Amino acid sequence: MQLAIALLTAGLDSPELEAWAADLLTPVDTDGLADLMAGLHVISVLLLHELHEATGEPSAAVLQRLAIVAERQRGTPFAD
């Protein structure tokens, strides 16, 4: 979980730091990658719960809005 937090935190700072952290901190073995994926999943669930608590919106609505924002930032048009 600490590795997942480190990667996510680096992404908040700058794209360069995020790229460096992803390259240097991502495990190469399957057990390490599985632990990283599990940590990212747990953090995602916790953040989604916090967003639901803060906004009162259902989790599905929050996820849909986040997906639309992410697609727009990437430049990909969102299909309705």
N, C-alpha and C. Protein backbone atom coordinates (compact mmCIF):
# COMPACT_ATOMS: atom_id res chain seq x y z
N MET A 1 0.83 -1.18 0.00
CA MET A 1 0.00 0.00 0.00
C MET A 1 0.88 1.25 0.00
N GLN A 2 2.00 1.22 0.70
CA GLN A 2 2.88 2.39 0.73
C GLN A 2 3.43 2.71 -0.65
N LEU A 3 3.71 1.68 -1.44
CA LEU A 3 4.21 1.90 -2.79
C LEU A 3 3.14 2.56 -3.65
N ALA A 4 1.91 2.10 -3.51
CA ALA A 4 0.81 2.70 -4.27
C ALA A 4 0.63 4.17 -3.90
N ILE A 5 0.72 4.48 -2.62
CA ILE A 5 0.59 5.86 -2.16
C ILE A 5 1.74 6.70 -2.71
N ALA A 6 2.95 6.15 -2.72
CA ALA A 6 4.10 6.89 -3.25
C ALA A 6 3.91 7.21 -4.73
N LEU A 7 3.42 6.24 -5.50
CA LEU A 7 3.20 6.48 -6.93
C LEU A 7 2.12 7.53 -7.16
N LEU A 8 1.03 7.43 -6.41
CA LEU A 8 -0.06 8.40 -6.57
C LEU A 8 0.37 9.79 -6.13
N THR A 9 1.12 9.89 -5.07
CA THR A 9 1.61 11.18 -4.58
C THR A 9 2.56 11.82 -5.58
N ALA A 10 3.43 11.03 -6.18
CA ALA A 10 4.36 11.56 -7.18
C ALA A 10 3.58 12.15 -8.35
N GLY A 11 2.47 11.53 -8.73
CA GLY A 11 1.66 12.03 -9.83
C GLY A 11 1.02 13.37 -9.53
N LEU A 12 0.83 13.69 -8.26
CA LEU A 12 0.26 14.98 -7.90
C LEU A 12 1.26 16.11 -8.04
N ASP A 13 2.54 15.77 -7.94
CA ASP A 13 3.60 16.78 -7.98
C ASP A 13 3.86 17.27 -9.40
N SER A 14 4.26 16.35 -10.27
CA SER A 14 4.55 16.73 -11.65
C SER A 14 4.57 15.49 -12.53
N PRO A 15 4.33 15.65 -13.82
CA PRO A 15 4.40 14.50 -14.73
C PRO A 15 5.80 13.88 -14.76
N GLU A 16 6.82 14.70 -14.62
CA GLU A 16 8.18 14.18 -14.63
C GLU A 16 8.45 13.29 -13.43
N LEU A 17 8.01 13.75 -12.25
CA LEU A 17 8.20 12.95 -11.04
C LEU A 17 7.37 11.67 -11.10
N GLU A 18 6.18 11.78 -11.65
CA GLU A 18 5.33 10.59 -11.80
C GLU A 18 6.01 9.56 -12.70
N ALA A 19 6.56 10.00 -13.82
CA ALA A 19 7.24 9.09 -14.74
C ALA A 19 8.46 8.45 -14.08
N TRP A 20 9.22 9.27 -13.35
CA TRP A 20 10.39 8.75 -12.64
C TRP A 20 9.98 7.70 -11.61
N ALA A 21 8.95 8.03 -10.82
CA ALA A 21 8.50 7.11 -9.77
C ALA A 21 7.94 5.83 -10.37
N ALA A 22 7.16 5.95 -11.44
CA ALA A 22 6.60 4.74 -12.07
C ALA A 22 7.71 3.85 -12.60
N ASP A 23 8.73 4.45 -13.17
CA ASP A 23 9.83 3.66 -13.71
C ASP A 23 10.66 3.02 -12.61
N LEU A 24 10.94 3.77 -11.57
CA LEU A 24 11.83 3.29 -10.52
C LEU A 24 11.13 2.45 -9.46
N LEU A 25 9.89 2.76 -9.14
CA LEU A 25 9.21 2.11 -8.02
C LEU A 25 8.33 0.92 -8.40
N THR A 26 8.01 0.76 -9.68
CA THR A 26 7.14 -0.33 -10.07
C THR A 26 7.89 -1.66 -9.98
N PRO A 27 7.36 -2.60 -9.22
CA PRO A 27 8.02 -3.89 -9.07
C PRO A 27 8.05 -4.66 -10.39
N VAL A 28 9.07 -5.49 -10.55
CA VAL A 28 9.18 -6.28 -11.78
C VAL A 28 8.71 -7.72 -11.57
N ASP A 29 8.59 -8.16 -10.33
CA ASP A 29 8.13 -9.52 -10.07
C ASP A 29 6.61 -9.56 -9.95
N THR A 30 6.03 -10.73 -10.18
CA THR A 30 4.57 -10.84 -10.19
C THR A 30 3.97 -10.60 -8.81
N ASP A 31 4.63 -11.06 -7.76
CA ASP A 31 4.09 -10.82 -6.41
C ASP A 31 4.09 -9.34 -6.07
N GLY A 32 5.16 -8.65 -6.44
CA GLY A 32 5.23 -7.21 -6.19
C GLY A 32 4.18 -6.45 -6.98
N LEU A 33 3.99 -6.83 -8.24
CA LEU A 33 2.96 -6.17 -9.05
C LEU A 33 1.56 -6.44 -8.51
N ALA A 34 1.34 -7.67 -8.03
CA ALA A 34 0.04 -8.01 -7.46
C ALA A 34 -0.21 -7.18 -6.20
N ASP A 35 0.81 -7.02 -5.37
CA ASP A 35 0.66 -6.19 -4.17
C ASP A 35 0.38 -4.74 -4.53
N LEU A 36 1.08 -4.22 -5.56
CA LEU A 36 0.86 -2.85 -6.00
C LEU A 36 -0.58 -2.68 -6.50
N MET A 37 -1.04 -3.60 -7.32
CA MET A 37 -2.41 -3.52 -7.84
C MET A 37 -3.44 -3.59 -6.71
N ALA A 38 -3.20 -4.46 -5.74
CA ALA A 38 -4.11 -4.55 -4.60
C ALA A 38 -4.12 -3.25 -3.81
N GLY A 39 -2.95 -2.66 -3.62
CA GLY A 39 -2.87 -1.39 -2.91
C GLY A 39 -3.60 -0.27 -3.64
N LEU A 40 -3.42 -0.22 -4.97
CA LEU A 40 -4.13 0.79 -5.77
C LEU A 40 -5.63 0.59 -5.69
N HIS A 41 -6.07 -0.66 -5.69
CA HIS A 41 -7.50 -0.95 -5.59
C HIS A 41 -8.06 -0.48 -4.24
N VAL A 42 -7.37 -0.80 -3.16
CA VAL A 42 -7.83 -0.40 -1.83
C VAL A 42 -7.90 1.12 -1.72
N ILE A 43 -6.89 1.80 -2.21
CA ILE A 43 -6.88 3.26 -2.17
C ILE A 43 -8.03 3.83 -3.00
N SER A 44 -8.28 3.25 -4.16
CA SER A 44 -9.38 3.71 -5.02
C SER A 44 -10.73 3.55 -4.32
N VAL A 45 -10.92 2.41 -3.67
CA VAL A 45 -12.18 2.18 -2.96
C VAL A 45 -12.34 3.18 -1.81
N LEU A 46 -11.26 3.41 -1.07
CA LEU A 46 -11.32 4.38 0.03
C LEU A 46 -11.62 5.79 -0.46
N LEU A 47 -10.96 6.20 -1.55
CA LEU A 47 -11.21 7.53 -2.10
C LEU A 47 -12.63 7.67 -2.63
N LEU A 48 -13.12 6.63 -3.27
CA LEU A 48 -14.49 6.65 -3.77
C LEU A 48 -15.48 6.78 -2.61
N HIS A 49 -15.23 6.07 -1.53
CA HIS A 49 -16.08 6.17 -0.34
C HIS A 49 -16.05 7.59 0.23
N GLU A 50 -14.85 8.18 0.29
CA GLU A 50 -14.72 9.55 0.80
C GLU A 50 -15.47 10.54 -0.09
N LEU A 51 -15.38 10.37 -1.41
CA LEU A 51 -16.11 11.25 -2.32
C LEU A 51 -17.62 11.11 -2.13
N HIS A 52 -18.07 9.88 -1.94
CA HIS A 52 -19.49 9.66 -1.69
C HIS A 52 -19.92 10.35 -0.39
N GLU A 53 -19.12 10.20 0.65
CA GLU A 53 -19.44 10.84 1.93
C GLU A 53 -19.45 12.37 1.81
N ALA A 54 -18.51 12.92 1.05
CA ALA A 54 -18.40 14.38 0.94
C ALA A 54 -19.48 14.98 0.06
N THR A 55 -19.89 14.26 -1.00
CA THR A 55 -20.84 14.83 -1.95
C THR A 55 -22.26 14.30 -1.79
N GLY A 56 -22.38 13.13 -1.20
CA GLY A 56 -23.70 12.50 -1.10
C GLY A 56 -24.14 11.83 -2.38
N GLU A 57 -23.31 11.90 -3.41
CA GLU A 57 -23.65 11.28 -4.69
C GLU A 57 -23.36 9.78 -4.63
N PRO A 58 -24.14 8.99 -5.37
CA PRO A 58 -23.85 7.56 -5.45
C PRO A 58 -22.49 7.33 -6.10
N SER A 59 -21.84 6.25 -5.70
CA SER A 59 -20.51 5.93 -6.22
C SER A 59 -20.49 5.84 -7.74
N ALA A 60 -21.54 5.28 -8.33
CA ALA A 60 -21.59 5.14 -9.79
C ALA A 60 -21.57 6.51 -10.47
N ALA A 61 -22.26 7.48 -9.92
CA ALA A 61 -22.29 8.83 -10.49
C ALA A 61 -20.92 9.49 -10.38
N VAL A 62 -20.26 9.30 -9.24
CA VAL A 62 -18.92 9.86 -9.05
C VAL A 62 -17.95 9.25 -10.06
N LEU A 63 -18.01 7.93 -10.22
CA LEU A 63 -17.12 7.25 -11.18
C LEU A 63 -17.37 7.72 -12.61
N GLN A 64 -18.62 7.90 -12.97
CA GLN A 64 -18.95 8.36 -14.32
C GLN A 64 -18.39 9.76 -14.56
N ARG A 65 -18.55 10.64 -13.59
CA ARG A 65 -18.05 12.00 -13.74
C ARG A 65 -16.52 12.00 -13.83
N LEU A 66 -15.86 11.19 -13.02
CA LEU A 66 -14.40 11.08 -13.08
C LEU A 66 -13.94 10.54 -14.44
N ALA A 67 -14.65 9.58 -14.97
CA ALA A 67 -14.30 9.01 -16.27
C ALA A 67 -14.43 10.05 -17.38
N ILE A 68 -15.47 10.86 -17.31
CA ILE A 68 -15.67 11.90 -18.32
C ILE A 68 -14.54 12.93 -18.25
N VAL A 69 -14.18 13.34 -17.04
CA VAL A 69 -13.10 14.31 -16.87
C VAL A 69 -11.79 13.74 -17.39
N ALA A 70 -11.51 12.48 -17.07
CA ALA A 70 -10.27 11.84 -17.52
C ALA A 70 -10.21 11.76 -19.04
N GLU A 71 -11.31 11.42 -19.67
CA GLU A 71 -11.34 11.32 -21.13
C GLU A 71 -11.15 12.68 -21.79
N ARG A 72 -11.75 13.70 -21.22
CA ARG A 72 -11.58 15.05 -21.78
C ARG A 72 -10.15 15.52 -21.66
N GLN A 73 -9.48 15.20 -20.56
CA GLN A 73 -8.09 15.61 -20.38
C GLN A 73 -7.19 14.89 -21.37
N ARG A 74 -7.52 13.67 -21.72
CA ARG A 74 -6.73 12.92 -22.70
C ARG A 74 -7.04 13.37 -24.13
N GLY A 75 -8.10 14.09 -24.30
CA GLY A 75 -8.47 14.56 -25.64
C GLY A 75 -9.37 13.60 -26.37
N THR A 76 -9.83 12.57 -25.71
CA THR A 76 -10.70 11.59 -26.34
C THR A 76 -12.14 12.01 -26.10
N PRO A 77 -12.94 12.13 -27.15
CA PRO A 77 -14.34 12.51 -26.95
C PRO A 77 -15.08 11.40 -26.20
N PHE A 78 -15.93 11.79 -25.28
CA PHE A 78 -16.70 10.84 -24.50
C PHE A 78 -17.98 10.49 -25.25
N ALA A 79 -18.22 9.21 -25.44
CA ALA A 79 -19.43 8.77 -26.14
C ALA A 79 -20.57 8.64 -25.13
N ASP A 80 -21.70 9.27 -25.43
CA ASP A 80 -22.86 9.19 -24.51
C ASP A 80 -23.60 7.90 -24.68
